[in-house]
Amino acid sequence: HAKNTVYLQMNSLKPEDTAVYYCNVERRKINYWGQ
């Protein structure tokens, strides 16, 4: 919270995990997306 940051630690990665990963934040029922 202090850094306003969310993390995703991904271990034991598999080829099927290959994708574009998007960050999403919900604020007041509105969704915001990263690139």
PDB file of all heavy atoms in Angstrom:
ATOM      1  N   HIS A   1       0.810  -1.208   0.000  1.00  0.00           N
ATOM      2  CA  HIS A   1       0.000   0.000   0.000  1.00  0.00           C
ATOM      3  C   HIS A   1       0.852   1.271   0.000  1.00  0.00           C
ATOM      4  O   HIS A   1       0.487   2.258  -0.633  1.00  0.00           O
ATOM      5  CB  HIS A   1      -0.941   0.006   1.201  1.00  0.00           C
ATOM      6  CG  HIS A   1      -2.026  -1.013   1.124  1.00  0.00           C
ATOM      7  ND1 HIS A   1      -3.042  -0.950   0.191  1.00  0.00           N
ATOM      8  CD2 HIS A   1      -2.260  -2.127   1.860  1.00  0.00           C
ATOM      9  CE1 HIS A   1      -3.855  -1.977   0.359  1.00  0.00           C
ATOM     10  NE2 HIS A   1      -3.403  -2.703   1.361  1.00  0.00           N
ATOM     11  N   ALA A   2       1.962   1.238   0.709  1.00  0.00           N
ATOM     12  CA  ALA A   2       2.816   2.418   0.779  1.00  0.00           C
ATOM     13  C   ALA A   2       3.365   2.791  -0.593  1.00  0.00           C
ATOM     14  O   ALA A   2       3.566   3.970  -0.890  1.00  0.00           O
ATOM     15  CB  ALA A   2       3.949   2.196   1.768  1.00  0.00           C
ATOM     16  N   LYS A   3       3.616   1.794  -1.415  1.00  0.00           N
ATOM     17  CA  LYS A   3       4.153   2.031  -2.751  1.00  0.00           C
ATOM     18  C   LYS A   3       3.082   2.015  -3.834  1.00  0.00           C
ATOM     19  O   LYS A   3       3.403   2.185  -5.012  1.00  0.00           O
ATOM     20  CB  LYS A   3       5.221   0.992  -3.083  1.00  0.00           C
ATOM     21  CG  LYS A   3       6.440   1.043  -2.176  1.00  0.00           C
ATOM     22  CD  LYS A   3       7.463  -0.001  -2.581  1.00  0.00           C
ATOM     23  CE  LYS A   3       8.694   0.065  -1.701  1.00  0.00           C
ATOM     24  NZ  LYS A   3       9.705  -0.959  -2.082  1.00  0.00           N
ATOM     25  N   ASN A   4       1.832   1.801  -3.434  1.00  0.00           N
ATOM     26  CA  ASN A   4       0.726   1.722  -4.390  1.00  0.00           C
ATOM     27  C   ASN A   4       1.029   0.724  -5.504  1.00  0.00           C
ATOM     28  O   ASN A   4       0.806   1.000  -6.687  1.00  0.00           O
ATOM     29  CB  ASN A   4       0.419   3.100  -4.977  1.00  0.00           C
ATOM     30  CG  ASN A   4       0.068   4.111  -3.918  1.00  0.00           C
ATOM     31  OD1 ASN A   4      -0.794   3.857  -3.072  1.00  0.00           O
ATOM     32  ND2 ASN A   4       0.719   5.258  -3.950  1.00  0.00           N
ATOM     33  N   THR A   5       1.520  -0.419  -5.104  1.00  0.00           N
ATOM     34  CA  THR A   5       2.004  -1.404  -6.052  1.00  0.00           C
ATOM     35  C   THR A   5       1.432  -2.783  -5.744  1.00  0.00           C
ATOM     36  O   THR A   5       1.317  -3.166  -4.581  1.00  0.00           O
ATOM     37  CB  THR A   5       3.537  -1.467  -6.029  1.00  0.00           C
ATOM     38  OG1 THR A   5       4.072  -0.178  -6.365  1.00  0.00           O
ATOM     39  CG2 THR A   5       4.063  -2.484  -7.022  1.00  0.00           C
ATOM     40  N   VAL A   6       1.090  -3.492  -6.799  1.00  0.00           N
ATOM     41  CA  VAL A   6       0.667  -4.878  -6.683  1.00  0.00           C
ATOM     42  C   VAL A   6       1.673  -5.742  -7.429  1.00  0.00           C
ATOM     43  O   VAL A   6       2.198  -5.341  -8.472  1.00  0.00           O
ATOM     44  CB  VAL A   6      -0.769  -5.088  -7.221  1.00  0.00           C
ATOM     45  CG1 VAL A   6      -0.856  -4.755  -8.708  1.00  0.00           C
ATOM     46  CG2 VAL A   6      -1.236  -6.510  -6.950  1.00  0.00           C
ATOM     47  N   TYR A   7       1.943  -6.913  -6.873  1.00  0.00           N
ATOM     48  CA  TYR A   7       2.930  -7.807  -7.441  1.00  0.00           C
ATOM     49  C   TYR A   7       2.298  -9.144  -7.796  1.00  0.00           C
ATOM     50  O   TYR A   7       1.302  -9.559  -7.205  1.00  0.00           O
ATOM     51  CB  TYR A   7       4.074  -8.068  -6.458  1.00  0.00           C
ATOM     52  CG  TYR A   7       4.758  -6.825  -5.955  1.00  0.00           C
ATOM     53  CD1 TYR A   7       4.361  -6.228  -4.764  1.00  0.00           C
ATOM     54  CD2 TYR A   7       5.808  -6.249  -6.658  1.00  0.00           C
ATOM     55  CE1 TYR A   7       4.984  -5.095  -4.287  1.00  0.00           C
ATOM     56  CE2 TYR A   7       6.441  -5.116  -6.196  1.00  0.00           C
ATOM     57  CZ  TYR A   7       6.028  -4.543  -5.016  1.00  0.00           C
ATOM     58  OH  TYR A   7       6.650  -3.410  -4.545  1.00  0.00           O
ATOM     59  N   LEU A   8       2.894  -9.807  -8.747  1.00  0.00           N
ATOM     60  CA  LEU A   8       2.538 -11.180  -9.058  1.00  0.00           C
ATOM     61  C   LEU A   8       3.824 -11.984  -9.137  1.00  0.00           C
ATOM     62  O   LEU A   8       4.583 -11.846 -10.097  1.00  0.00           O
ATOM     63  CB  LEU A   8       1.757 -11.284 -10.371  1.00  0.00           C
ATOM     64  CG  LEU A   8       1.232 -12.681 -10.704  1.00  0.00           C
ATOM     65  CD1 LEU A   8       0.158 -13.105  -9.698  1.00  0.00           C
ATOM     66  CD2 LEU A   8       0.691 -12.739 -12.125  1.00  0.00           C
ATOM     67  N   GLN A   9       4.060 -12.787  -8.114  1.00  0.00           N
ATOM     68  CA  GLN A   9       5.208 -13.679  -8.101  1.00  0.00           C
ATOM     69  C   GLN A   9       4.823 -14.963  -8.811  1.00  0.00           C
ATOM     70  O   GLN A   9       3.886 -15.647  -8.398  1.00  0.00           O
ATOM     71  CB  GLN A   9       5.648 -13.976  -6.669  1.00  0.00           C
ATOM     72  CG  GLN A   9       6.827 -14.931  -6.562  1.00  0.00           C
ATOM     73  CD  GLN A   9       8.099 -14.362  -7.124  1.00  0.00           C
ATOM     74  OE1 GLN A   9       8.446 -13.215  -6.840  1.00  0.00           O
ATOM     75  NE2 GLN A   9       8.800 -15.139  -7.932  1.00  0.00           N
ATOM     76  N   MET A  10       5.531 -15.288  -9.868  1.00  0.00           N
ATOM     77  CA  MET A  10       5.216 -16.448 -10.690  1.00  0.00           C
ATOM     78  C   MET A  10       6.362 -17.441 -10.596  1.00  0.00           C
ATOM     79  O   MET A  10       7.484 -17.150 -11.021  1.00  0.00           O
ATOM     80  CB  MET A  10       4.970 -16.034 -12.142  1.00  0.00           C
ATOM     81  CG  MET A  10       3.897 -14.961 -12.301  1.00  0.00           C
ATOM     82  SD  MET A  10       3.514 -14.583 -14.034  1.00  0.00           S
ATOM     83  CE  MET A  10       5.094 -13.886 -14.548  1.00  0.00           C
ATOM     84  N   ASN A  11       6.075 -18.598 -10.043  1.00  0.00           N
ATOM     85  CA  ASN A  11       7.052 -19.660  -9.895  1.00  0.00           C
ATOM     86  C   ASN A  11       6.646 -20.871 -10.729  1.00  0.00           C
ATOM     87  O   ASN A  11       5.494 -21.012 -11.125  1.00  0.00           O
ATOM     88  CB  ASN A  11       7.189 -20.064  -8.425  1.00  0.00           C
ATOM     89  CG  ASN A  11       7.672 -18.940  -7.548  1.00  0.00           C
ATOM     90  OD1 ASN A  11       8.493 -18.120  -7.961  1.00  0.00           O
ATOM     91  ND2 ASN A  11       7.184 -18.901  -6.308  1.00  0.00           N
ATOM     92  N   SER A  12       7.603 -21.748 -10.949  1.00  0.00           N
ATOM     93  CA  SER A  12       7.353 -22.978 -11.705  1.00  0.00           C
ATOM     94  C   SER A  12       6.625 -22.690 -13.012  1.00  0.00           C
ATOM     95  O   SER A  12       5.638 -23.341 -13.354  1.00  0.00           O
ATOM     96  CB  SER A  12       6.555 -23.972 -10.853  1.00  0.00           C
ATOM     97  OG  SER A  12       7.237 -24.275  -9.655  1.00  0.00           O
ATOM     98  N   LEU A  13       7.125 -21.735 -13.733  1.00  0.00           N
ATOM     99  CA  LEU A  13       6.454 -21.297 -14.948  1.00  0.00           C
ATOM    100  C   LEU A  13       6.441 -22.385 -16.011  1.00  0.00           C
ATOM    101  O   LEU A  13       7.402 -23.149 -16.155  1.00  0.00           O
ATOM    102  CB  LEU A  13       7.119 -20.039 -15.490  1.00  0.00           C
ATOM    103  CG  LEU A  13       6.754 -18.761 -14.730  1.00  0.00           C
ATOM    104  CD1 LEU A  13       7.742 -17.645 -15.038  1.00  0.00           C
ATOM    105  CD2 LEU A  13       5.337 -18.332 -15.085  1.00  0.00           C
ATOM    106  N   LYS A  14       5.348 -22.423 -16.736  1.00  0.00           N
ATOM    107  CA  LYS A  14       5.123 -23.395 -17.790  1.00  0.00           C
ATOM    108  C   LYS A  14       4.944 -22.675 -19.117  1.00  0.00           C
ATOM    109  O   LYS A  14       4.543 -21.511 -19.145  1.00  0.00           O
ATOM    110  CB  LYS A  14       3.874 -24.229 -17.492  1.00  0.00           C
ATOM    111  CG  LYS A  14       3.873 -24.917 -16.141  1.00  0.00           C
ATOM    112  CD  LYS A  14       2.543 -25.605 -15.893  1.00  0.00           C
ATOM    113  CE  LYS A  14       2.516 -26.278 -14.536  1.00  0.00           C
ATOM    114  NZ  LYS A  14       1.195 -26.922 -14.277  1.00  0.00           N
ATOM    115  N   PRO A  15       5.205 -23.356 -20.227  1.00  0.00           N
ATOM    116  CA  PRO A  15       4.982 -22.716 -21.530  1.00  0.00           C
ATOM    117  C   PRO A  15       3.565 -22.183 -21.701  1.00  0.00           C
ATOM    118  O   PRO A  15       3.374 -21.155 -22.354  1.00  0.00           O
ATOM    119  CB  PRO A  15       5.283 -23.840 -22.524  1.00  0.00           C
ATOM    120  CG  PRO A  15       6.279 -24.696 -21.812  1.00  0.00           C
ATOM    121  CD  PRO A  15       5.851 -24.670 -20.373  1.00  0.00           C
ATOM    122  N   GLU A  16       2.586 -22.851 -21.122  1.00  0.00           N
ATOM    123  CA  GLU A  16       1.213 -22.398 -21.241  1.00  0.00           C
ATOM    124  C   GLU A  16       0.928 -21.121 -20.464  1.00  0.00           C
ATOM    125  O   GLU A  16      -0.160 -20.552 -20.576  1.00  0.00           O
ATOM    126  CB  GLU A  16       0.224 -23.495 -20.818  1.00  0.00           C
ATOM    127  CG  GLU A  16       0.551 -24.127 -19.485  1.00  0.00           C
ATOM    128  CD  GLU A  16       1.332 -25.420 -19.627  1.00  0.00           C
ATOM    129  OE1 GLU A  16       2.269 -25.455 -20.455  1.00  0.00           O
ATOM    130  OE2 GLU A  16       1.005 -26.396 -18.932  1.00  0.00           O
ATOM    131  N   ASP A  17       1.883 -20.670 -19.657  1.00  0.00           N
ATOM    132  CA  ASP A  17       1.751 -19.386 -18.988  1.00  0.00           C
ATOM    133  C   ASP A  17       2.098 -18.223 -19.909  1.00  0.00           C
ATOM    134  O   ASP A  17       1.906 -17.064 -19.533  1.00  0.00           O
ATOM    135  CB  ASP A  17       2.642 -19.327 -17.749  1.00  0.00           C
ATOM    136  CG  ASP A  17       2.208 -20.307 -16.672  1.00  0.00           C
ATOM    137  OD1 ASP A  17       0.996 -20.438 -16.426  1.00  0.00           O
ATOM    138  OD2 ASP A  17       3.098 -20.928 -16.063  1.00  0.00           O
ATOM    139  N   THR A  18       2.610 -18.520 -21.080  1.00  0.00           N
ATOM    140  CA  THR A  18       2.978 -17.482 -22.028  1.00  0.00           C
ATOM    141  C   THR A  18       1.756 -16.657 -22.413  1.00  0.00           C
ATOM    142  O   THR A  18       0.744 -17.197 -22.867  1.00  0.00           O
ATOM    143  CB  THR A  18       3.613 -18.093 -23.280  1.00  0.00           C
ATOM    144  OG1 THR A  18       4.838 -18.739 -22.923  1.00  0.00           O
ATOM    145  CG2 THR A  18       3.916 -17.017 -24.314  1.00  0.00           C
ATOM    146  N   ALA A  19       1.848 -15.355 -22.225  1.00  0.00           N
ATOM    147  CA  ALA A  19       0.736 -14.463 -22.508  1.00  0.00           C
ATOM    148  C   ALA A  19       1.176 -13.034 -22.240  1.00  0.00           C
ATOM    149  O   ALA A  19       2.260 -12.786 -21.705  1.00  0.00           O
ATOM    150  CB  ALA A  19      -0.480 -14.808 -21.636  1.00  0.00           C
ATOM    151  N   VAL A  20       0.322 -12.110 -22.624  1.00  0.00           N
ATOM    152  CA  VAL A  20       0.474 -10.736 -22.188  1.00  0.00           C
ATOM    153  C   VAL A  20      -0.278 -10.589 -20.879  1.00  0.00           C
ATOM    154  O   VAL A  20      -1.461 -10.928 -20.792  1.00  0.00           O
ATOM    155  CB  VAL A  20      -0.055  -9.732 -23.231  1.00  0.00           C
ATOM    156  CG1 VAL A  20       0.062  -8.308 -22.706  1.00  0.00           C
ATOM    157  CG2 VAL A  20       0.709  -9.879 -24.542  1.00  0.00           C
ATOM    158  N   TYR A  21       0.399 -10.107 -19.871  1.00  0.00           N
ATOM    159  CA  TYR A  21      -0.194  -9.943 -18.556  1.00  0.00           C
ATOM    160  C   TYR A  21      -0.558  -8.489 -18.336  1.00  0.00           C
ATOM    161  O   TYR A  21       0.254  -7.587 -18.552  1.00  0.00           O
ATOM    162  CB  TYR A  21       0.772 -10.421 -17.472  1.00  0.00           C
ATOM    163  CG  TYR A  21       0.863 -11.922 -17.381  1.00  0.00           C
ATOM    164  CD1 TYR A  21       1.494 -12.649 -18.382  1.00  0.00           C
ATOM    165  CD2 TYR A  21       0.303 -12.617 -16.309  1.00  0.00           C
ATOM    166  CE1 TYR A  21       1.560 -14.033 -18.324  1.00  0.00           C
ATOM    167  CE2 TYR A  21       0.368 -13.990 -16.235  1.00  0.00           C
ATOM    168  CZ  TYR A  21       0.998 -14.701 -17.244  1.00  0.00           C
ATOM    169  OH  TYR A  21       1.060 -16.069 -17.167  1.00  0.00           O
ATOM    170  N   TYR A  22      -1.791  -8.274 -17.890  1.00  0.00           N
ATOM    171  CA  TYR A  22      -2.319  -6.939 -17.697  1.00  0.00           C
ATOM    172  C   TYR A  22      -2.649  -6.707 -16.229  1.00  0.00           C
ATOM    173  O   TYR A  22      -3.333  -7.512 -15.603  1.00  0.00           O
ATOM    174  CB  TYR A  22      -3.594  -6.721 -18.513  1.00  0.00           C
ATOM    175  CG  TYR A  22      -3.400  -6.796 -20.006  1.00  0.00           C
ATOM    176  CD1 TYR A  22      -3.535  -8.006 -20.680  1.00  0.00           C
ATOM    177  CD2 TYR A  22      -3.095  -5.657 -20.748  1.00  0.00           C
ATOM    178  CE1 TYR A  22      -3.367  -8.081 -22.046  1.00  0.00           C
ATOM    179  CE2 TYR A  22      -2.929  -5.727 -22.114  1.00  0.00           C
ATOM    180  CZ  TYR A  22      -3.067  -6.940 -22.759  1.00  0.00           C
ATOM    181  OH  TYR A  22      -2.901  -7.004 -24.123  1.00  0.00           O
ATOM    182  N   CYS A  23      -2.191  -5.598 -15.726  1.00  0.00           N
ATOM    183  CA  CYS A  23      -2.574  -5.172 -14.398  1.00  0.00           C
ATOM    184  C   CYS A  23      -3.952  -4.530 -14.454  1.00  0.00           C
ATOM    185  O   CYS A  23      -4.286  -3.830 -15.422  1.00  0.00           O
ATOM    186  CB  CYS A  23      -1.547  -4.182 -13.850  1.00  0.00           C
ATOM    187  SG  CYS A  23      -1.907  -3.551 -12.199  1.00  0.00           S
ATOM    188  N   ASN A  24      -4.741  -4.772 -13.444  1.00  0.00           N
ATOM    189  CA  ASN A  24      -6.078  -4.210 -13.364  1.00  0.00           C
ATOM    190  C   ASN A  24      -6.330  -3.673 -11.970  1.00  0.00           C
ATOM    191  O   ASN A  24      -6.005  -4.328 -10.981  1.00  0.00           O
ATOM    192  CB  ASN A  24      -7.127  -5.264 -13.716  1.00  0.00           C
ATOM    193  CG  ASN A  24      -8.549  -4.774 -13.475  1.00  0.00           C
ATOM    194  OD1 ASN A  24      -9.126  -4.989 -12.415  1.00  0.00           O
ATOM    195  ND2 ASN A  24      -9.112  -4.113 -14.470  1.00  0.00           N
ATOM    196  N   VAL A  25      -6.912  -2.495 -11.911  1.00  0.00           N
ATOM    197  CA  VAL A  25      -7.291  -1.883 -10.642  1.00  0.00           C
ATOM    198  C   VAL A  25      -8.748  -1.464 -10.723  1.00  0.00           C
ATOM    199  O   VAL A  25      -9.171  -0.867 -11.712  1.00  0.00           O
ATOM    200  CB  VAL A  25      -6.406  -0.672 -10.306  1.00  0.00           C
ATOM    201  CG1 VAL A  25      -6.977   0.097  -9.115  1.00  0.00           C
ATOM    202  CG2 VAL A  25      -4.990  -1.112 -10.001  1.00  0.00           C
ATOM    203  N   GLU A  26      -9.489  -1.795  -9.703  1.00  0.00           N
ATOM    204  CA  GLU A  26     -10.886  -1.386  -9.614  1.00  0.00           C
ATOM    205  C   GLU A  26     -11.008  -0.283  -8.582  1.00  0.00           C
ATOM    206  O   GLU A  26     -10.587  -0.448  -7.438  1.00  0.00           O
ATOM    207  CB  GLU A  26     -11.781  -2.561  -9.241  1.00  0.00           C
ATOM    208  CG  GLU A  26     -13.255  -2.202  -9.153  1.00  0.00           C
ATOM    209  CD  GLU A  26     -14.124  -3.382  -8.772  1.00  0.00           C
ATOM    210  OE1 GLU A  26     -13.977  -4.448  -9.408  1.00  0.00           O
ATOM    211  OE2 GLU A  26     -14.938  -3.240  -7.844  1.00  0.00           O
ATOM    212  N   ARG A  27     -11.565   0.826  -9.008  1.00  0.00           N
ATOM    213  CA  ARG A  27     -11.807   1.952  -8.132  1.00  0.00           C
ATOM    214  C   ARG A  27     -13.193   2.481  -8.391  1.00  0.00           C
ATOM    215  O   ARG A  27     -13.500   2.891  -9.517  1.00  0.00           O
ATOM    216  CB  ARG A  27     -10.762   3.052  -8.330  1.00  0.00           C
ATOM    217  CG  ARG A  27     -10.972   4.274  -7.437  1.00  0.00           C
ATOM    218  CD  ARG A  27      -9.902   5.336  -7.682  1.00  0.00           C
ATOM    219  NE  ARG A  27     -10.050   6.470  -6.793  1.00  0.00           N
ATOM    220  CZ  ARG A  27     -10.808   7.531  -7.053  1.00  0.00           C
ATOM    221  NH1 ARG A  27     -11.497   7.598  -8.192  1.00  0.00           N
ATOM    222  NH2 ARG A  27     -10.880   8.530  -6.180  1.00  0.00           N
ATOM    223  N   ARG A  28     -14.005   2.468  -7.386  1.00  0.00           N
ATOM    224  CA  ARG A  28     -15.378   2.957  -7.486  1.00  0.00           C
ATOM    225  C   ARG A  28     -16.108   2.301  -8.655  1.00  0.00           C
ATOM    226  O   ARG A  28     -16.790   2.963  -9.437  1.00  0.00           O
ATOM    227  CB  ARG A  28     -15.395   4.471  -7.605  1.00  0.00           C
ATOM    228  CG  ARG A  28     -14.847   5.190  -6.376  1.00  0.00           C
ATOM    229  CD  ARG A  28     -14.925   6.700  -6.527  1.00  0.00           C
ATOM    230  NE  ARG A  28     -14.447   7.385  -5.337  1.00  0.00           N
ATOM    231  CZ  ARG A  28     -15.203   7.705  -4.311  1.00  0.00           C
ATOM    232  NH1 ARG A  28     -16.494   7.387  -4.303  1.00  0.00           N
ATOM    233  NH2 ARG A  28     -14.679   8.347  -3.269  1.00  0.00           N
ATOM    234  N   LYS A  29     -15.940   1.010  -8.778  1.00  0.00           N
ATOM    235  CA  LYS A  29     -16.597   0.179  -9.783  1.00  0.00           C
ATOM    236  C   LYS A  29     -16.141   0.476 -11.211  1.00  0.00           C
ATOM    237  O   LYS A  29     -16.812   0.085 -12.175  1.00  0.00           O
ATOM    238  CB  LYS A  29     -18.112   0.280  -9.673  1.00  0.00           C
ATOM    239  CG  LYS A  29     -18.653  -0.131  -8.303  1.00  0.00           C
ATOM    240  CD  LYS A  29     -18.268  -1.576  -7.992  1.00  0.00           C
ATOM    241  CE  LYS A  29     -18.762  -2.005  -6.622  1.00  0.00           C
ATOM    242  NZ  LYS A  29     -20.233  -2.152  -6.594  1.00  0.00           N
ATOM    243  N   ILE A  30     -15.032   1.160 -11.358  1.00  0.00           N
ATOM    244  CA  ILE A  30     -14.445   1.426 -12.661  1.00  0.00           C
ATOM    245  C   ILE A  30     -13.116   0.691 -12.754  1.00  0.00           C
ATOM    246  O   ILE A  30     -12.306   0.748 -11.828  1.00  0.00           O
ATOM    247  CB  ILE A  30     -14.251   2.930 -12.896  1.00  0.00           C
ATOM    248  CG1 ILE A  30     -15.600   3.652 -12.869  1.00  0.00           C
ATOM    249  CG2 ILE A  30     -13.544   3.189 -14.220  1.00  0.00           C
ATOM    250  CD1 ILE A  30     -15.491   5.157 -13.000  1.00  0.00           C
ATOM    251  N   ASN A  31     -12.909   0.021 -13.857  1.00  0.00           N
ATOM    252  CA  ASN A  31     -11.686  -0.736 -14.076  1.00  0.00           C
ATOM    253  C   ASN A  31     -10.658   0.079 -14.851  1.00  0.00           C
ATOM    254  O   ASN A  31     -10.982   0.741 -15.834  1.00  0.00           O
ATOM    255  CB  ASN A  31     -11.977  -2.027 -14.827  1.00  0.00           C
ATOM    256  CG  ASN A  31     -12.707  -3.041 -13.978  1.00  0.00           C
ATOM    257  OD1 ASN A  31     -12.393  -3.224 -12.807  1.00  0.00           O
ATOM    258  ND2 ASN A  31     -13.680  -3.716 -14.571  1.00  0.00           N
ATOM    259  N   TYR A  32      -9.431  -0.004 -14.403  1.00  0.00           N
ATOM    260  CA  TYR A  32      -8.314   0.632 -15.080  1.00  0.00           C
ATOM    261  C   TYR A  32      -7.301  -0.438 -15.456  1.00  0.00           C
ATOM    262  O   TYR A  32      -7.072  -1.385 -14.701  1.00  0.00           O
ATOM    263  CB  TYR A  32      -7.665   1.691 -14.184  1.00  0.00           C
ATOM    264  CG  TYR A  32      -8.612   2.800 -13.792  1.00  0.00           C
ATOM    265  CD1 TYR A  32      -9.422   2.685 -12.671  1.00  0.00           C
ATOM    266  CD2 TYR A  32      -8.705   3.960 -14.551  1.00  0.00           C
ATOM    267  CE1 TYR A  32     -10.302   3.693 -12.318  1.00  0.00           C
ATOM    268  CE2 TYR A  32      -9.579   4.974 -14.205  1.00  0.00           C
ATOM    269  CZ  TYR A  32     -10.375   4.829 -13.084  1.00  0.00           C
ATOM    270  OH  TYR A  32     -11.246   5.841 -12.743  1.00  0.00           O
ATOM    271  N   TRP A  33      -6.691  -0.260 -16.612  1.00  0.00           N
ATOM    272  CA  TRP A  33      -5.805  -1.268 -17.166  1.00  0.00           C
ATOM    273  C   TRP A  33      -4.430  -0.720 -17.471  1.00  0.00           C
ATOM    274  O   TRP A  33      -4.276   0.425 -17.898  1.00  0.00           O
ATOM    275  CB  TRP A  33      -6.391  -1.842 -18.461  1.00  0.00           C
ATOM    276  CG  TRP A  33      -7.692  -2.540 -18.274  1.00  0.00           C
ATOM    277  CD1 TRP A  33      -8.941  -2.006 -18.377  1.00  0.00           C
ATOM    278  CD2 TRP A  33      -7.879  -3.924 -17.956  1.00  0.00           C
ATOM    279  NE1 TRP A  33      -9.886  -2.966 -18.144  1.00  0.00           N
ATOM    280  CE2 TRP A  33      -9.268  -4.148 -17.881  1.00  0.00           C
ATOM    281  CE3 TRP A  33      -7.001  -4.979 -17.734  1.00  0.00           C
ATOM    282  CZ2 TRP A  33      -9.803  -5.405 -17.593  1.00  0.00           C
ATOM    283  CZ3 TRP A  33      -7.529  -6.228 -17.443  1.00  0.00           C
ATOM    284  CH2 TRP A  33      -8.913  -6.426 -17.371  1.00  0.00           C
ATOM    285  N   GLY A  34      -3.433  -1.556 -17.268  1.00  0.00           N
ATOM    286  CA  GLY A  34      -2.105  -1.241 -17.724  1.00  0.00           C
ATOM    287  C   GLY A  34      -1.952  -1.582 -19.194  1.00  0.00           C
ATOM    288  O   GLY A  34      -2.859  -2.119 -19.830  1.00  0.00           O
ATOM    289  N   GLN A  35      -0.801  -1.267 -19.737  1.00  0.00           N
ATOM    290  CA  GLN A  35      -0.545  -1.518 -21.147  1.00  0.00           C
ATOM    291  C   GLN A  35      -0.241  -2.986 -21.439  1.00  0.00           C
ATOM    292  O   GLN A  35      -0.339  -3.417 -22.590  1.00  0.00           O
ATOM    293  CB  GLN A  35       0.616  -0.650 -21.634  1.00  0.00           C
ATOM    294  CG  GLN A  35       0.292   0.834 -21.668  1.00  0.00           C
ATOM    295  CD  GLN A  35      -0.785   1.155 -22.673  1.00  0.00           C
ATOM    296  OE1 GLN A  35      -0.710   0.748 -23.840  1.00  0.00           O
ATOM    297  NE2 GLN A  35      -1.805   1.894 -22.231  1.00  0.00           N
TER     298      GLN A  35
END
